[in-house]
Each structure stands twice: as structure tokens, then as C-alpha cells.
C-alpha atoms as a PDB file:
ATOM      1  CA  GLN A   1       0.074   0.153  -0.055  1.00  0.00           C
ATOM      2  CA  VAL A   2       3.018   2.285   0.303  1.00  0.00           C
ATOM      3  CA  GLN A   3       5.578   2.530  -2.477  1.00  0.00           C
ATOM      4  CA  LEU A   4       8.918   4.073  -2.196  1.00  0.00           C
ATOM      5  CA  VAL A   5      11.115   5.152  -5.105  1.00  0.00           C
ATOM      6  CA  GLU A   6      14.549   6.406  -4.638  1.00  0.00           C
ATOM      7  CA  SER A   7      16.457   8.405  -7.152  1.00  0.00           C
ATOM      8  CA  GLY A   8      19.354  10.767  -7.144  1.00  0.00           C
ATOM      9  CA  GLY A   9      22.355   8.387  -6.967  1.00  0.00           C
ATOM     10  CA  GLY A  10      25.254   8.330  -9.118  1.00  0.00           C
ATOM     11  CA  LEU A  11      28.975   8.462  -9.520  1.00  0.00           C
ATOM     12  CA  VAL A  12      30.632  11.519  -8.017  1.00  0.00           C
ATOM     13  CA  GLN A  13      34.198  12.440  -6.973  1.00  0.00           C
ATOM     14  CA  ALA A  14      35.264  12.489  -3.407  1.00  0.00           C
ATOM     15  CA  GLY A  15      34.392  15.872  -1.877  1.00  0.00           C
ATOM     16  CA  GLY A  16      31.231  16.237  -4.086  1.00  0.00           C
ATOM     17  CA  SER A  17      27.393  16.261  -3.364  1.00  0.00           C
ATOM     18  CA  LEU A  18      24.368  14.297  -4.199  1.00  0.00           C
ATOM     19  CA  ARG A  19      20.840  14.894  -3.444  1.00  0.00           C
ATOM     20  CA  LEU A  20      18.831  11.734  -2.974  1.00  0.00           C
ATOM     21  CA  SER A  21      15.178  11.774  -3.179  1.00  0.00           C
ATOM     22  CA  CYS A  22      12.579   9.231  -1.865  1.00  0.00           C
ATOM     23  CA  ALA A  23       9.250   9.517  -3.290  1.00  0.00           C
ATOM     24  CA  ALA A  24       6.311   7.980  -1.469  1.00  0.00           C
ATOM     25  CA  SER A  25       3.027   7.125  -2.779  1.00  0.00           C
ATOM     26  CA  GLY A  26      -0.046   5.075  -1.817  1.00  0.00           C
ATOM     27  CA  ASN A  27      -1.502   5.041   1.743  1.00  0.00           C
ATOM     28  CA  ILE A  28       0.706   7.239   3.505  1.00  0.00           C
ATOM     29  CA  SER A  29      -0.243   7.769   7.236  1.00  0.00           C
ATOM     30  CA  ARG A  30       1.012  10.270   9.625  1.00  0.00           C
ATOM     31  CA  PRO A  31       2.721  10.514  11.741  1.00  0.00           C
ATOM     32  CA  ASN A  32       5.534   8.418  10.524  1.00  0.00           C
ATOM     33  CA  VAL A  33       9.293   7.794  10.468  1.00  0.00           C
ATOM     34  CA  VAL A  34      11.107   7.877   7.475  1.00  0.00           C
ATOM     35  CA  SER A  35      14.851   6.772   7.286  1.00  0.00           C
ATOM     36  CA  TRP A  36      17.709   6.367   4.783  1.00  0.00           C
ATOM     37  CA  TYR A  37      19.694   3.395   5.122  1.00  0.00           C
ATOM     38  CA  ARG A  38      22.931   2.172   3.122  1.00  0.00           C
ATOM     39  CA  GLN A  39      24.382  -1.169   2.495  1.00  0.00           C
ATOM     40  CA  ALA A  40      27.854  -1.628   0.820  1.00  0.00           C
ATOM     41  CA  PRO A  41      28.666  -5.197  -0.610  1.00  0.00           C
ATOM     42  CA  GLY A  42      29.816  -7.595   2.075  1.00  0.00           C
ATOM     43  CA  LYS A  43      28.574  -5.256   4.858  1.00  0.00           C
ATOM     44  CA  GLN A  44      25.476  -4.949   7.021  1.00  0.00           C
ATOM     45  CA  ARG A  45      23.032  -2.392   6.246  1.00  0.00           C
ATOM     46  CA  GLU A  46      23.302   0.682   8.480  1.00  0.00           C
ATOM     47  CA  LEU A  47      20.950   3.427   9.533  1.00  0.00           C
ATOM     48  CA  VAL A  48      22.079   6.695   7.863  1.00  0.00           C
ATOM     49  CA  ALA A  49      19.631   9.218   8.932  1.00  0.00           C
ATOM     50  CA  THR A  50      15.919   9.425  10.265  1.00  0.00           C
ATOM     51  CA  ILE A  51      13.145  12.166  10.304  1.00  0.00           C
ATOM     52  CA  VAL A  52      10.225  11.890  12.247  1.00  0.00           C
ATOM     53  CA  SER A  53       7.077  13.671  11.824  1.00  0.00           C
ATOM     54  CA  GLY A  54       7.412  16.580  13.892  1.00  0.00           C
ATOM     55  CA  GLY A  55      10.873  17.402  12.529  1.00  0.00           C
ATOM     56  CA  MET A  56      13.197  15.546  14.866  1.00  0.00           C
ATOM     57  CA  ARG A  57      16.214  14.289  12.931  1.00  0.00           C
ATOM     58  CA  SER A  58      18.996  11.808  13.611  1.00  0.00           C
ATOM     59  CA  TYR A  59      22.110  10.880  11.883  1.00  0.00           C
ATOM     60  CA  ALA A  60      24.777   8.186  12.019  1.00  0.00           C
ATOM     61  CA  ASP A  61      27.989   9.676  13.528  1.00  0.00           C
ATOM     62  CA  SER A  62      29.845   8.762  10.366  1.00  0.00           C
ATOM     63  CA  VAL A  63      27.510  11.427   8.371  1.00  0.00           C
ATOM     64  CA  LYS A  64      26.632  13.917  10.855  1.00  0.00           C
ATOM     65  CA  GLY A  65      27.803  17.482   9.597  1.00  0.00           C
ATOM     66  CA  ARG A  66      27.701  16.175   6.029  1.00  0.00           C
ATOM     67  CA  PHE A  67      24.270  14.722   5.314  1.00  0.00           C
ATOM     68  CA  ALA A  68      21.106  16.379   5.977  1.00  0.00           C
ATOM     69  CA  ILE A  69      17.600  14.745   5.773  1.00  0.00           C
ATOM     70  CA  SER A  70      14.542  16.781   4.973  1.00  0.00           C
ATOM     71  CA  ARG A  71      10.993  16.566   4.038  1.00  0.00           C
ATOM     72  CA  GLY A  72       9.459  18.078   0.729  1.00  0.00           C
ATOM     73  CA  ASP A  73       6.478  20.308   1.237  1.00  0.00           C
ATOM     74  CA  ALA A  74       3.810  18.741  -0.770  1.00  0.00           C
ATOM     75  CA  LYS A  75       5.031  15.630  -2.608  1.00  0.00           C
ATOM     76  CA  ASN A  76       5.545  12.918   0.150  1.00  0.00           C
ATOM     77  CA  THR A  77       9.080  13.314  -0.536  1.00  0.00           C
ATOM     78  CA  VAL A  78      12.120  12.885   1.542  1.00  0.00           C
ATOM     79  CA  TYR A  79      15.400  14.091   0.557  1.00  0.00           C
ATOM     80  CA  LEU A  80      19.106  13.415   1.838  1.00  0.00           C
ATOM     81  CA  GLN A  81      21.508  16.060   0.989  1.00  0.00           C
ATOM     82  CA  MET A  82      24.826  14.460   0.840  1.00  0.00           C
ATOM     83  CA  ASN A  83      27.864  16.712   0.899  1.00  0.00           C
ATOM     84  CA  THR A  84      31.577  16.332   1.323  1.00  0.00           C
ATOM     85  CA  LEU A  85      31.128  12.679   0.010  1.00  0.00           C
ATOM     86  CA  LYS A  86      33.982  10.142   0.846  1.00  0.00           C
ATOM     87  CA  PRO A  87      34.753   6.759  -0.817  1.00  0.00           C
ATOM     88  CA  GLU A  88      33.365   4.995   2.291  1.00  0.00           C
ATOM     89  CA  ASP A  89      30.047   6.444   1.542  1.00  0.00           C
ATOM     90  CA  THR A  90      29.688   4.239  -1.464  1.00  0.00           C
ATOM     91  CA  ALA A  91      26.765   1.983  -1.064  1.00  0.00           C
ATOM     92  CA  VAL A  92      23.248   1.236  -2.222  1.00  0.00           C
ATOM     93  CA  TYR A  93      21.139   3.876  -0.275  1.00  0.00           C
ATOM     94  CA  SER A  94      17.314   2.835   0.455  1.00  0.00           C
ATOM     95  CA  CYS A  95      14.502   4.515   2.104  1.00  0.00           C
ATOM     96  CA  ASN A  96      12.470   3.017   4.589  1.00  0.00           C
ATOM     97  CA  TYR A  97       8.963   4.275   5.734  1.00  0.00           C
ATOM     98  CA  GLN A  98       6.754   3.317   8.802  1.00  0.00           C
ATOM     99  CA  ALA A  99       3.652   4.672  10.080  1.00  0.00           C
ATOM    100  CA  PHE A 100       3.440   5.166  13.741  1.00  0.00           C
ATOM    101  CA  SER A 101       0.133   3.188  13.549  1.00  0.00           C
ATOM    102  CA  GLY A 102       1.564   0.252  11.542  1.00  0.00           C
ATOM    103  CA  ALA A 103       4.151  -2.264  12.514  1.00  0.00           C
ATOM    104  CA  ARG A 104       5.121  -2.812   8.717  1.00  0.00           C
ATOM    105  CA  VAL A 105       7.990  -1.216   7.320  1.00  0.00           C
ATOM    106  CA  TYR A 106       8.283  -0.250   3.528  1.00  0.00           C
ATOM    107  CA  TRP A 107      11.344  -0.088   1.424  1.00  0.00           C
ATOM    108  CA  GLY A 108      12.270   1.450  -1.836  1.00  0.00           C
ATOM    109  CA  GLN A 109      14.310  -0.378  -4.326  1.00  0.00           C
ATOM    110  CA  GLY A 110      17.656   1.584  -3.481  1.00  0.00           C
ATOM    111  CA  THR A 111      19.823   3.870  -5.584  1.00  0.00           C
ATOM    112  CA  GLN A 112      23.469   3.283  -5.995  1.00  0.00           C
ATOM    113  CA  VAL A 113      25.976   5.990  -4.874  1.00  0.00           C
ATOM    114  CA  THR A 114      29.467   5.459  -5.885  1.00  0.00           C
ATOM    115  CA  VAL A 115      32.348   7.908  -4.663  1.00  0.00           C
ATOM    116  CA  SER A 116      35.456   7.682  -6.419  1.00  0.00           C
ATOM    117  CA  SER A 117      38.929   8.950  -5.032  1.00  0.00           C
END
């Protein structure tokens, strides 16, 4: 009932920036929690950033000060602004949605971010 589509990934040089988008459609409930995760080959998926209805945000220590998560105004979209990218940021980035009222979590298909030295 909820579909998430990530976009904005690509190949960038170290020090560059990308803005990822997570567009949600379907039966969006509020309040909710939207998170960005990433997973590199051979690594466990890790939580990158979270935004909660009401505006509270949190970040992994590894991206704090470089990444910013935000909500779009009217398009059920969550963004992840990624600055000062490092090669270790290379991963598939996926967004995750969960309504407070529901136990099910929804995932997008992921978007590849590759940061070259």
C-alpha cells in the first residue's frame, strides 16, 4: 500500500555532493518515520539518517555534519542531501517508511551511490 522510489544516486568524486530523493505514494499515514539506510557489498545495512513527523532528525556519526535529511512540502518526498562525500559512503541507499500506527516497514528499491577517490 506504500511505494517508495529512490532517485538521485550516481557516481561522484570525493568531496562532491548528491541529493537523494525518496518519493512515497499510496496510503501514506502520519505521523510516520522515514529513514535512509545504506548497504555496501559484504557489509550489513546501516542506518544513515532518520526524520520523524514533527521534525526530529538523527544521523549516524559517520555522516553527521555532512548529510541532511528533510521533507518536501507537498509531494510526500524525503530528501537526503549528501555533501563532502567520501569513498566510504559508497553503497546502495534505500529509504524506509513506517507509520506510527503500523508495524510494517516499507522499502524502496535503492539507488546506487558511488564515490571515487
